[in-house]
C-alpha atoms as a PDB file:
ATOM      1  CA  UNK A   1       0.225  -0.099   0.169  1.00  0.00           C
ATOM      2  CA  UNK A   2       1.321   3.208  -1.017  1.00  0.00           C
ATOM      3  CA  UNK A   3       2.976   4.817   2.191  1.00  0.00           C
ATOM      4  CA  UNK A   4       2.441   8.483   0.999  1.00  0.00           C
ATOM      5  CA  UNK A   5      -1.658   7.792   1.159  1.00  0.00           C
ATOM      6  CA  UNK A   6      -1.244   5.735   4.474  1.00  0.00           C
ATOM      7  CA  UNK A   7      -0.034   9.112   5.802  1.00  0.00           C
ATOM      8  CA  UNK A   8      -2.454  11.536   4.659  1.00  0.00           C
ATOM      9  CA  UNK A   9      -5.131   9.004   5.992  1.00  0.00           C
ATOM     10  CA  UNK A  10      -3.336   8.767   9.327  1.00  0.00           C
ATOM     11  CA  UNK A  11      -3.061  12.475   9.557  1.00  0.00           C
ATOM     12  CA  UNK A  12      -7.120  12.289   9.384  1.00  0.00           C
ATOM     13  CA  UNK A  13      -7.548   9.511  12.318  1.00  0.00           C
ATOM     14  CA  UNK A  14      -6.579   5.899  12.821  1.00  0.00           C
ATOM     15  CA  UNK A  15      -6.184   3.547   9.471  1.00  0.00           C
ATOM     16  CA  UNK A  16      -6.225  -0.073  10.357  1.00  0.00           C
ATOM     17  CA  UNK A  17      -4.042  -2.727   7.971  1.00  0.00           C
ATOM     18  CA  UNK A  18      -5.871  -5.891   7.066  1.00  0.00           C
ATOM     19  CA  UNK A  19      -8.682  -5.420   9.073  1.00  0.00           C
ATOM     20  CA  UNK A  20     -11.256  -8.314   9.426  1.00  0.00           C
ATOM     21  CA  UNK A  21     -14.419  -7.244   7.894  1.00  0.00           C
ATOM     22  CA  UNK A  22     -16.520  -9.907   9.547  1.00  0.00           C
ATOM     23  CA  UNK A  23     -16.374  -7.481  12.625  1.00  0.00           C
ATOM     24  CA  UNK A  24     -18.085  -4.764  10.853  1.00  0.00           C
ATOM     25  CA  UNK A  25     -20.983  -5.973   9.062  1.00  0.00           C
ATOM     26  CA  UNK A  26     -24.494  -7.694  10.279  1.00  0.00           C
ATOM     27  CA  UNK A  27     -23.896 -11.056   8.669  1.00  0.00           C
ATOM     28  CA  UNK A  28     -20.232 -11.684  10.513  1.00  0.00           C
ATOM     29  CA  UNK A  29     -19.072 -12.820   7.423  1.00  0.00           C
ATOM     30  CA  UNK A  30     -16.241 -11.637   5.038  1.00  0.00           C
ATOM     31  CA  UNK A  31     -12.194 -11.437   4.886  1.00  0.00           C
ATOM     32  CA  UNK A  32     -10.030  -8.639   5.078  1.00  0.00           C
ATOM     33  CA  UNK A  33      -9.790  -4.698   3.990  1.00  0.00           C
ATOM     34  CA  UNK A  34      -6.485  -3.751   2.775  1.00  0.00           C
ATOM     35  CA  UNK A  35      -7.111  -0.547   5.067  1.00  0.00           C
ATOM     36  CA  UNK A  36     -10.109   0.288   7.280  1.00  0.00           C
ATOM     37  CA  UNK A  37     -10.811   4.073   8.221  1.00  0.00           C
ATOM     38  CA  UNK A  38     -13.847   5.613  10.152  1.00  0.00           C
ATOM     39  CA  UNK A  39     -14.857   8.769   9.072  1.00  0.00           C
ATOM     40  CA  UNK A  40     -16.907  10.477  12.008  1.00  0.00           C
ATOM     41  CA  UNK A  41     -17.494  13.528  10.203  1.00  0.00           C
ATOM     42  CA  UNK A  42     -18.523  15.046   6.468  1.00  0.00           C
ATOM     43  CA  UNK A  43     -14.689  16.997   6.601  1.00  0.00           C
ATOM     44  CA  UNK A  44     -13.074  13.300   7.389  1.00  0.00           C
ATOM     45  CA  UNK A  45     -15.177  11.541   4.773  1.00  0.00           C
ATOM     46  CA  UNK A  46     -14.290  13.871   2.085  1.00  0.00           C
ATOM     47  CA  UNK A  47     -10.784  14.117   3.033  1.00  0.00           C
ATOM     48  CA  UNK A  48     -10.195  10.466   2.950  1.00  0.00           C
ATOM     49  CA  UNK A  49     -12.025   9.892  -0.524  1.00  0.00           C
ATOM     50  CA  UNK A  50      -9.841  12.747  -1.842  1.00  0.00           C
ATOM     51  CA  UNK A  51      -6.707  10.875  -0.554  1.00  0.00           C
ATOM     52  CA  UNK A  52      -7.565   7.809  -1.800  1.00  0.00           C
ATOM     53  CA  UNK A  53      -8.688   9.833  -5.562  1.00  0.00           C
ATOM     54  CA  UNK A  54      -5.312  11.407  -5.586  1.00  0.00           C
ATOM     55  CA  UNK A  55      -3.562   7.891  -4.873  1.00  0.00           C
ATOM     56  CA  UNK A  56      -5.579   5.875  -7.175  1.00  0.00           C
ATOM     57  CA  UNK A  57      -6.999   3.544  -4.387  1.00  0.00           C
ATOM     58  CA  UNK A  58     -10.274   1.895  -4.563  1.00  0.00           C
ATOM     59  CA  UNK A  59     -12.749   2.848  -2.068  1.00  0.00           C
ATOM     60  CA  UNK A  60     -15.959   1.120  -0.478  1.00  0.00           C
ATOM     61  CA  UNK A  61     -18.073   2.746   1.575  1.00  0.00           C
ATOM     62  CA  UNK A  62     -19.481   0.491   4.473  1.00  0.00           C
ATOM     63  CA  UNK A  63     -22.594   2.060   6.488  1.00  0.00           C
ATOM     64  CA  UNK A  64     -23.898  -0.026   9.330  1.00  0.00           C
ATOM     65  CA  UNK A  65     -22.862  -3.058   7.671  1.00  0.00           C
ATOM     66  CA  UNK A  66     -26.056  -4.569   6.707  1.00  0.00           C
ATOM     67  CA  UNK A  67     -27.677  -5.584   3.573  1.00  0.00           C
ATOM     68  CA  UNK A  68     -24.171  -6.617   2.415  1.00  0.00           C
ATOM     69  CA  UNK A  69     -22.368 -10.053   1.969  1.00  0.00           C
ATOM     70  CA  UNK A  70     -18.589  -9.461   2.047  1.00  0.00           C
ATOM     71  CA  UNK A  71     -16.479 -12.331   0.372  1.00  0.00           C
ATOM     72  CA  UNK A  72     -13.987 -14.395   1.684  1.00  0.00           C
ATOM     73  CA  UNK A  73     -10.989 -12.653   0.110  1.00  0.00           C
ATOM     74  CA  UNK A  74     -11.986  -9.453   1.450  1.00  0.00           C
ATOM     75  CA  UNK A  75     -11.713  -5.761  -0.214  1.00  0.00           C
ATOM     76  CA  UNK A  76      -8.995  -4.504  -1.768  1.00  0.00           C
ATOM     77  CA  UNK A  77      -7.947  -0.675  -1.359  1.00  0.00           C
ATOM     78  CA  UNK A  78      -9.512   1.445   1.178  1.00  0.00           C
ATOM     79  CA  UNK A  79     -12.984   0.541   3.037  1.00  0.00           C
ATOM     80  CA  UNK A  80     -14.217   3.788   4.809  1.00  0.00           C
ATOM     81  CA  UNK A  81     -16.880   3.169   7.608  1.00  0.00           C
ATOM     82  CA  UNK A  82     -19.222   5.979   7.096  1.00  0.00           C
ATOM     83  CA  UNK A  83     -19.875   6.859  10.987  1.00  0.00           C
ATOM     84  CA  UNK A  84     -21.104  10.593  10.342  1.00  0.00           C
ATOM     85  CA  UNK A  85     -23.590  11.353  12.643  1.00  0.00           C
ATOM     86  CA  UNK A  86     -24.711  14.896  12.358  1.00  0.00           C
ATOM     87  CA  UNK A  87     -28.577  15.849  12.286  1.00  0.00           C
ATOM     88  CA  UNK A  88     -30.191  19.303  11.426  1.00  0.00           C
ATOM     89  CA  UNK A  89     -33.817  20.104  12.425  1.00  0.00           C
ATOM     90  CA  UNK A  90     -36.481  19.352  12.568  1.00  0.00           C
ATOM     91  CA  UNK A  91     -37.112  23.143  10.757  1.00  0.00           C
ATOM     92  CA  UNK A  92     -40.238  24.320   9.563  1.00  0.00           C
ATOM     93  CA  UNK A  93     -40.580  23.967   5.811  1.00  0.00           C
ATOM     94  CA  UNK A  94     -43.581  24.697   3.860  1.00  0.00           C
ATOM     95  CA  UNK A  95     -46.740  22.767   5.439  1.00  0.00           C
ATOM     96  CA  UNK A  96     -44.293  20.662   7.261  1.00  0.00           C
ATOM     97  CA  UNK A  97     -40.691  19.948   8.445  1.00  0.00           C
ATOM     98  CA  UNK A  98     -37.360  19.217   7.201  1.00  0.00           C
ATOM     99  CA  UNK A  99     -34.332  17.298   8.618  1.00  0.00           C
ATOM    100  CA  UNK A 100     -30.863  17.038   7.104  1.00  0.00           C
ATOM    101  CA  UNK A 101     -29.096  14.127   8.626  1.00  0.00           C
ATOM    102  CA  UNK A 102     -25.752  12.937   7.482  1.00  0.00           C
ATOM    103  CA  UNK A 103     -25.202   9.742   5.572  1.00  0.00           C
ATOM    104  CA  UNK A 104     -23.548   7.669   8.266  1.00  0.00           C
ATOM    105  CA  UNK A 105     -27.236   8.192  10.639  1.00  0.00           C
ATOM    106  CA  UNK A 106     -29.011   5.171  11.746  1.00  0.00           C
ATOM    107  CA  UNK A 107     -32.087   5.333   9.756  1.00  0.00           C
ATOM    108  CA  UNK A 108     -33.628   3.370  12.647  1.00  0.00           C
ATOM    109  CA  UNK A 109     -32.509   5.580  15.419  1.00  0.00           C
ATOM    110  CA  UNK A 110     -33.400   8.788  13.617  1.00  0.00           C
ATOM    111  CA  UNK A 111     -37.085   7.643  12.832  1.00  0.00           C
ATOM    112  CA  UNK A 112     -37.605   6.316  16.682  1.00  0.00           C
ATOM    113  CA  UNK A 113     -36.308   9.734  17.831  1.00  0.00           C
ATOM    114  CA  UNK A 114     -38.105  12.149  15.891  1.00  0.00           C
ATOM    115  CA  UNK A 115     -41.501   9.887  16.087  1.00  0.00           C
ATOM    116  CA  UNK A 116     -41.057   9.969  19.801  1.00  0.00           C
ATOM    117  CA  UNK A 117     -40.555  13.674  19.506  1.00  0.00           C
ATOM    118  CA  UNK A 118     -43.913  14.081  17.577  1.00  0.00           C
ATOM    119  CA  UNK A 119     -42.642  14.268  14.100  1.00  0.00           C
ATOM    120  CA  UNK A 120     -44.393  11.824  11.774  1.00  0.00           C
ATOM    121  CA  UNK A 121     -44.035  10.257   8.426  1.00  0.00           C
ATOM    122  CA  UNK A 122     -40.911   7.956   8.876  1.00  0.00           C
ATOM    123  CA  UNK A 123     -41.902   5.769  11.866  1.00  0.00           C
ATOM    124  CA  UNK A 124     -42.248   2.766   9.289  1.00  0.00           C
ATOM    125  CA  UNK A 125     -38.145   3.141   9.407  1.00  0.00           C
ATOM    126  CA  UNK A 126     -37.950   2.463  13.018  1.00  0.00           C
ATOM    127  CA  UNK A 127     -36.647  -1.044  12.340  1.00  0.00           C
ATOM    128  CA  UNK A 128     -34.563  -0.238   9.012  1.00  0.00           C
ATOM    129  CA  UNK A 129     -30.842  -1.564  10.076  1.00  0.00           C
ATOM    130  CA  UNK A 130     -28.832   0.784   7.859  1.00  0.00           C
ATOM    131  CA  UNK A 131     -27.909   4.123   7.338  1.00  0.00           C
ATOM    132  CA  UNK A 132     -29.540   6.764   5.577  1.00  0.00           C
ATOM    133  CA  UNK A 133     -26.847   6.674   3.045  1.00  0.00           C
ATOM    134  CA  UNK A 134     -27.634   2.785   2.412  1.00  0.00           C
ATOM    135  CA  UNK A 135     -31.132   3.886   2.243  1.00  0.00           C
ATOM    136  CA  UNK A 136     -30.760   6.506  -0.266  1.00  0.00           C
ATOM    137  CA  UNK A 137     -28.476   3.876  -2.705  1.00  0.00           C
ATOM    138  CA  UNK A 138     -31.244   1.308  -2.395  1.00  0.00           C
ATOM    139  CA  UNK A 139     -34.488   3.097  -1.878  1.00  0.00           C
ATOM    140  CA  UNK A 140     -34.585   1.243   1.853  1.00  0.00           C
ATOM    141  CA  UNK A 141     -38.470   0.540   2.551  1.00  0.00           C
ATOM    142  CA  UNK A 142     -40.907  -1.501   4.818  1.00  0.00           C
ATOM    143  CA  UNK A 143     -44.536  -1.872   5.458  1.00  0.00           C
ATOM    144  CA  UNK A 144     -45.296  -0.596   1.956  1.00  0.00           C
ATOM    145  CA  UNK A 145     -43.306   2.636   2.408  1.00  0.00           C
ATOM    146  CA  UNK A 146     -39.983   3.505   1.060  1.00  0.00           C
ATOM    147  CA  UNK A 147     -37.598   6.481   1.286  1.00  0.00           C
ATOM    148  CA  UNK A 148     -38.816   8.109  -1.524  1.00  0.00           C
ATOM    149  CA  UNK A 149     -42.101   8.677  -0.010  1.00  0.00           C
ATOM    150  CA  UNK A 150     -40.237  10.876   2.419  1.00  0.00           C
ATOM    151  CA  UNK A 151     -37.189  12.248   0.273  1.00  0.00           C
ATOM    152  CA  UNK A 152     -36.447  15.959  -0.499  1.00  0.00           C
ATOM    153  CA  UNK A 153     -33.283  15.594  -1.823  1.00  0.00           C
ATOM    154  CA  UNK A 154     -29.571  14.623  -1.013  1.00  0.00           C
ATOM    155  CA  UNK A 155     -26.042  15.705  -1.262  1.00  0.00           C
ATOM    156  CA  UNK A 156     -23.266  13.933  -2.852  1.00  0.00           C
ATOM    157  CA  UNK A 157     -19.730  14.097  -3.319  1.00  0.00           C
ATOM    158  CA  UNK A 158     -18.480  13.356  -6.766  1.00  0.00           C
ATOM    159  CA  UNK A 159     -14.717  11.468  -7.409  1.00  0.00           C
ATOM    160  CA  UNK A 160     -13.285  14.939  -7.948  1.00  0.00           C
ATOM    161  CA  UNK A 161     -14.688  16.029  -4.501  1.00  0.00           C
ATOM    162  CA  UNK A 162     -17.249  18.485  -5.441  1.00  0.00           C
ATOM    163  CA  UNK A 163     -20.485  18.827  -4.052  1.00  0.00           C
ATOM    164  CA  UNK A 164     -23.860  17.826  -5.851  1.00  0.00           C
ATOM    165  CA  UNK A 165     -27.392  18.540  -4.785  1.00  0.00           C
ATOM    166  CA  UNK A 166     -29.564  15.800  -6.112  1.00  0.00           C
ATOM    167  CA  UNK A 167     -33.320  16.168  -6.058  1.00  0.00           C
ATOM    168  CA  UNK A 168     -35.530  12.537  -5.962  1.00  0.00           C
ATOM    169  CA  UNK A 169     -36.398  12.556  -9.314  1.00  0.00           C
ATOM    170  CA  UNK A 170     -32.995  12.690 -10.520  1.00  0.00           C
ATOM    171  CA  UNK A 171     -32.030   9.251  -8.358  1.00  0.00           C
ATOM    172  CA  UNK A 172     -34.673   7.369 -10.134  1.00  0.00           C
ATOM    173  CA  UNK A 173     -35.577   5.607  -7.250  1.00  0.00           C
ATOM    174  CA  UNK A 174     -37.946   2.118  -7.519  1.00  0.00           C
ATOM    175  CA  UNK A 175     -37.505  -1.184  -5.652  1.00  0.00           C
ATOM    176  CA  UNK A 176     -34.672  -1.507  -3.923  1.00  0.00           C
ATOM    177  CA  UNK A 177     -32.960   0.364  -6.940  1.00  0.00           C
ATOM    178  CA  UNK A 178     -31.678   3.886  -7.710  1.00  0.00           C
ATOM    179  CA  UNK A 179     -29.381   5.800 -10.158  1.00  0.00           C
ATOM    180  CA  UNK A 180     -26.417   4.433  -7.865  1.00  0.00           C
ATOM    181  CA  UNK A 181     -27.274   0.794  -8.303  1.00  0.00           C
ATOM    182  CA  UNK A 182     -27.762   1.218 -11.990  1.00  0.00           C
ATOM    183  CA  UNK A 183     -24.323   2.694 -12.299  1.00  0.00           C
ATOM    184  CA  UNK A 184     -25.199   6.107 -13.260  1.00  0.00           C
ATOM    185  CA  UNK A 185     -23.719   7.782 -10.323  1.00  0.00           C
ATOM    186  CA  UNK A 186     -20.766   5.694 -10.251  1.00  0.00           C
ATOM    187  CA  UNK A 187     -18.010   6.847  -7.597  1.00  0.00           C
ATOM    188  CA  UNK A 188     -20.414   9.426  -5.998  1.00  0.00           C
ATOM    189  CA  UNK A 189     -20.847   8.931  -2.427  1.00  0.00           C
ATOM    190  CA  UNK A 190     -23.981  10.252  -0.177  1.00  0.00           C
ATOM    191  CA  UNK A 191     -23.000  13.032   2.109  1.00  0.00           C
ATOM    192  CA  UNK A 192     -26.379  13.800   3.519  1.00  0.00           C
ATOM    193  CA  UNK A 193     -30.229  13.027   3.092  1.00  0.00           C
ATOM    194  CA  UNK A 194     -32.967  15.729   3.738  1.00  0.00           C
ATOM    195  CA  UNK A 195     -36.483  14.420   4.894  1.00  0.00           C
ATOM    196  CA  UNK A 196     -39.850  15.580   4.996  1.00  0.00           C
ATOM    197  CA  UNK A 197     -41.797  15.144   7.932  1.00  0.00           C
ATOM    198  CA  UNK A 198     -45.088  16.069   9.447  1.00  0.00           C
ATOM    199  CA  UNK A 199     -46.261  17.449  13.092  1.00  0.00           C
ATOM    200  CA  UNK A 200     -47.859  14.392  15.062  1.00  0.00           C
ATOM    201  CA  UNK A 201     -48.979  13.216  18.230  1.00  0.00           C
ATOM    202  CA  UNK A 202     -46.168  11.978  20.443  1.00  0.00           C
ATOM    203  CA  UNK A 203     -48.324   9.122  22.068  1.00  0.00           C
ATOM    204  CA  UNK A 204     -49.905   7.964  18.635  1.00  0.00           C
ATOM    205  CA  UNK A 205     -46.839   7.857  16.976  1.00  0.00           C
ATOM    206  CA  UNK A 206     -44.972   6.076  20.010  1.00  0.00           C
ATOM    207  CA  UNK A 207     -47.495   3.356  20.175  1.00  0.00           C
ATOM    208  CA  UNK A 208     -47.278   3.057  16.434  1.00  0.00           C
ATOM    209  CA  UNK A 209     -43.723   2.340  16.580  1.00  0.00           C
ATOM    210  CA  UNK A 210     -44.420  -0.193  19.353  1.00  0.00           C
ATOM    211  CA  UNK A 211     -46.806  -1.875  17.187  1.00  0.00           C
ATOM    212  CA  UNK A 212     -44.135  -1.996  14.137  1.00  0.00           C
ATOM    213  CA  UNK A 213     -41.757  -3.178  16.798  1.00  0.00           C
ATOM    214  CA  UNK A 214     -43.820  -6.072  17.873  1.00  0.00           C
ATOM    215  CA  UNK A 215     -44.472  -7.215  14.119  1.00  0.00           C
ATOM    216  CA  UNK A 216     -41.149  -7.122  13.335  1.00  0.00           C
ATOM    217  CA  UNK A 217     -39.914  -9.317  16.331  1.00  0.00           C
ATOM    218  CA  UNK A 218     -42.499 -11.552  15.438  1.00  0.00           C
ATOM    219  CA  UNK A 219     -41.695 -12.172  11.801  1.00  0.00           C
ATOM    220  CA  UNK A 220     -37.843 -11.805  11.660  1.00  0.00           C
ATOM    221  CA  UNK A 221     -35.441 -14.087  13.161  1.00  0.00           C
ATOM    222  CA  UNK A 222     -32.901 -13.055  15.780  1.00  0.00           C
ATOM    223  CA  UNK A 223     -29.287 -13.933  15.156  1.00  0.00           C
ATOM    224  CA  UNK A 224     -26.402 -12.631  12.858  1.00  0.00           C
ATOM    225  CA  UNK A 225     -27.998 -12.219   9.350  1.00  0.00           C
ATOM    226  CA  UNK A 226     -27.797  -9.483   6.608  1.00  0.00           C
ATOM    227  CA  UNK A 227     -31.460  -8.912   5.887  1.00  0.00           C
ATOM    228  CA  UNK A 228     -33.459 -10.016   3.478  1.00  0.00           C
ATOM    229  CA  UNK A 229     -31.634 -11.991   1.042  1.00  0.00           C
ATOM    230  CA  UNK A 230     -33.746 -11.647  -2.061  1.00  0.00           C
ATOM    231  CA  UNK A 231     -35.812  -8.967  -3.621  1.00  0.00           C
ATOM    232  CA  UNK A 232     -39.495  -9.984  -3.932  1.00  0.00           C
ATOM    233  CA  UNK A 233     -40.583 -10.986  -6.941  1.00  0.00           C
ATOM    234  CA  UNK A 234     -44.525  -9.659  -8.740  1.00  0.00           C
ATOM    235  CA  UNK A 235     -45.492 -12.765  -8.602  1.00  0.00           C
ATOM    236  CA  UNK A 236     -45.041 -14.376  -4.808  1.00  0.00           C
ATOM    237  CA  UNK A 237     -42.984 -13.070  -1.503  1.00  0.00           C
ATOM    238  CA  UNK A 238     -39.424 -14.462  -1.936  1.00  0.00           C
ATOM    239  CA  UNK A 239     -39.733 -16.000   1.348  1.00  0.00           C
ATOM    240  CA  UNK A 240     -42.847 -18.239   0.069  1.00  0.00           C
ATOM    241  CA  UNK A 241     -40.876 -19.315  -2.885  1.00  0.00           C
ATOM    242  CA  UNK A 242     -38.059 -20.516  -0.790  1.00  0.00           C
ATOM    243  CA  UNK A 243     -40.190 -22.100   1.681  1.00  0.00           C
ATOM    244  CA  UNK A 244     -42.226 -23.754  -1.009  1.00  0.00           C
ATOM    245  CA  UNK A 245     -39.089 -25.332  -2.429  1.00  0.00           C
ATOM    246  CA  UNK A 246     -38.463 -27.221   1.209  1.00  0.00           C
ATOM    247  CA  UNK A 247     -35.465 -25.100   1.938  1.00  0.00           C
ATOM    248  CA  UNK A 248     -36.799 -23.676   5.561  1.00  0.00           C
ATOM    249  CA  UNK A 249     -33.840 -24.781   8.149  1.00  0.00           C
ATOM    250  CA  UNK A 250     -31.746 -25.928   5.318  1.00  0.00           C
ATOM    251  CA  UNK A 251     -27.817 -25.418   5.939  1.00  0.00           C
ATOM    252  CA  UNK A 252     -24.769 -25.334   4.053  1.00  0.00           C
ATOM    253  CA  UNK A 253     -21.695 -25.117   6.371  1.00  0.00           C
ATOM    254  CA  UNK A 254     -22.612 -23.003   9.448  1.00  0.00           C
ATOM    255  CA  UNK A 255     -25.079 -20.776   7.503  1.00  0.00           C
ATOM    256  CA  UNK A 256     -28.910 -21.831   7.474  1.00  0.00           C
ATOM    257  CA  UNK A 257     -32.240 -20.605   5.836  1.00  0.00           C
ATOM    258  CA  UNK A 258     -34.086 -19.592   8.876  1.00  0.00           C
ATOM    259  CA  UNK A 259     -36.847 -21.604  10.403  1.00  0.00           C
ATOM    260  CA  UNK A 260     -38.871 -18.429  11.121  1.00  0.00           C
ATOM    261  CA  UNK A 261     -38.421 -16.788   8.264  1.00  0.00           C
ATOM    262  CA  UNK A 262     -37.259 -18.250   4.681  1.00  0.00           C
ATOM    263  CA  UNK A 263     -35.838 -14.871   3.374  1.00  0.00           C
ATOM    264  CA  UNK A 264     -33.567 -14.448   6.214  1.00  0.00           C
ATOM    265  CA  UNK A 265     -30.163 -16.697   6.193  1.00  0.00           C
ATOM    266  CA  UNK A 266     -28.524 -16.759   9.424  1.00  0.00           C
ATOM    267  CA  UNK A 267     -24.701 -17.262  10.348  1.00  0.00           C
ATOM    268  CA  UNK A 268     -24.481 -19.641  12.966  1.00  0.00           C
ATOM    269  CA  UNK A 269     -21.129 -19.152  14.089  1.00  0.00           C
ATOM    270  CA  UNK A 270     -18.027 -18.920  11.924  1.00  0.00           C
ATOM    271  CA  UNK A 271     -19.964 -19.057   8.671  1.00  0.00           C
ATOM    272  CA  UNK A 272     -18.127 -18.245   5.110  1.00  0.00           C
ATOM    273  CA  UNK A 273     -19.167 -16.387   2.136  1.00  0.00           C
ATOM    274  CA  UNK A 274     -18.759 -19.574   0.202  1.00  0.00           C
ATOM    275  CA  UNK A 275     -21.563 -21.261   2.138  1.00  0.00           C
ATOM    276  CA  UNK A 276     -24.222 -18.371   2.032  1.00  0.00           C
ATOM    277  CA  UNK A 277     -23.279 -18.118  -1.468  1.00  0.00           C
ATOM    278  CA  UNK A 278     -24.066 -21.965  -2.423  1.00  0.00           C
ATOM    279  CA  UNK A 279     -27.199 -21.625  -0.141  1.00  0.00           C
ATOM    280  CA  UNK A 280     -28.358 -18.398  -2.222  1.00  0.00           C
ATOM    281  CA  UNK A 281     -27.612 -20.532  -5.274  1.00  0.00           C
ATOM    282  CA  UNK A 282     -29.544 -23.700  -4.226  1.00  0.00           C
ATOM    283  CA  UNK A 283     -32.688 -21.573  -3.436  1.00  0.00           C
ATOM    284  CA  UNK A 284     -32.531 -19.650  -6.876  1.00  0.00           C
ATOM    285  CA  UNK A 285     -32.017 -22.865  -8.689  1.00  0.00           C
ATOM    286  CA  UNK A 286     -34.917 -24.511  -7.060  1.00  0.00           C
ATOM    287  CA  UNK A 287     -37.314 -21.779  -7.179  1.00  0.00           C
ATOM    288  CA  UNK A 288     -36.012 -21.299 -11.180  1.00  0.00           C
ATOM    289  CA  UNK A 289     -36.860 -25.088 -11.704  1.00  0.00           C
ATOM    290  CA  UNK A 290     -40.211 -25.265  -9.840  1.00  0.00           C
ATOM    291  CA  UNK A 291     -41.677 -21.828 -10.551  1.00  0.00           C
ATOM    292  CA  UNK A 292     -39.774 -20.590 -13.602  1.00  0.00           C
ATOM    293  CA  UNK A 293     -39.021 -17.348 -11.204  1.00  0.00           C
ATOM    294  CA  UNK A 294     -35.590 -16.017 -11.103  1.00  0.00           C
ATOM    295  CA  UNK A 295     -34.784 -14.685  -7.526  1.00  0.00           C
ATOM    296  CA  UNK A 296     -32.714 -11.377  -7.868  1.00  0.00           C
ATOM    297  CA  UNK A 297     -30.406 -10.617  -4.862  1.00  0.00           C
ATOM    298  CA  UNK A 298     -31.398  -7.913  -2.447  1.00  0.00           C
ATOM    299  CA  UNK A 299     -27.952  -8.284  -0.417  1.00  0.00           C
ATOM    300  CA  UNK A 300     -25.347  -6.371  -2.067  1.00  0.00           C
ATOM    301  CA  UNK A 301     -22.204  -8.596  -2.773  1.00  0.00           C
ATOM    302  CA  UNK A 302     -18.608  -6.946  -2.025  1.00  0.00           C
ATOM    303  CA  UNK A 303     -14.952  -7.893  -2.232  1.00  0.00           C
ATOM    304  CA  UNK A 304     -12.868 -10.986  -3.788  1.00  0.00           C
ATOM    305  CA  UNK A 305     -13.917 -14.796  -3.546  1.00  0.00           C
END
């Protein structure tokens, strides 16, 4: 690794070499990062990106580590943990309120905090495990809602470190897709997200959050997982398809399809990406053979085998 680059990075904060990435994602799977750096402010995030760009070091942005399967060979170049946490607002905005939150902020924690303070509109996100940056990239959603329902705009940094403000329509958001996932914003990194909210009754909102918590606890398994493995096809929910082909509780290595919810794959301890991939391919092939439906990954893949 380029020593000049490492010196610039270390001037910003601790830089870890060969850091095991299974420590930094919800699935608990993955090989090492060549260099691992946690950015706690927008200034640190932009400076780390600038240094990597100047030294031709590839960059992978890791938020809360959910919705990702990191392969056993790990990730080359620089992995930046987006731990930015600034929140501005809520401030009055037309008939409602606006919040600007850094891309590293937990979507679930922000939704819960605002709901309990009497600001409605994103209480549906109280169980979303990722960051706001990840939510913008994948149009995160739950209970028939998605980020698009509350999005006013985002700020991004381009590969040359210029800041752009993008409107929701420029992101072409649909079901777990965006201009980012389609490659139109390659190399761009989300800095902050603007959300629209409405004033509500704190007691009613708190009760709604508790109701959603109960629904999630009843439906989703505990244990280490990456969230929903497959997108829901138009014909049937992914969990139903996986269940119908007899894979509830099926295990390869230390990866198991949950007995509770068959679109969740569990790390039983020390699981490897190669086993998770084999289990995903088994589910895809059986569903394809029986129903003629191609399951698409909802979980992103990163790194080298």
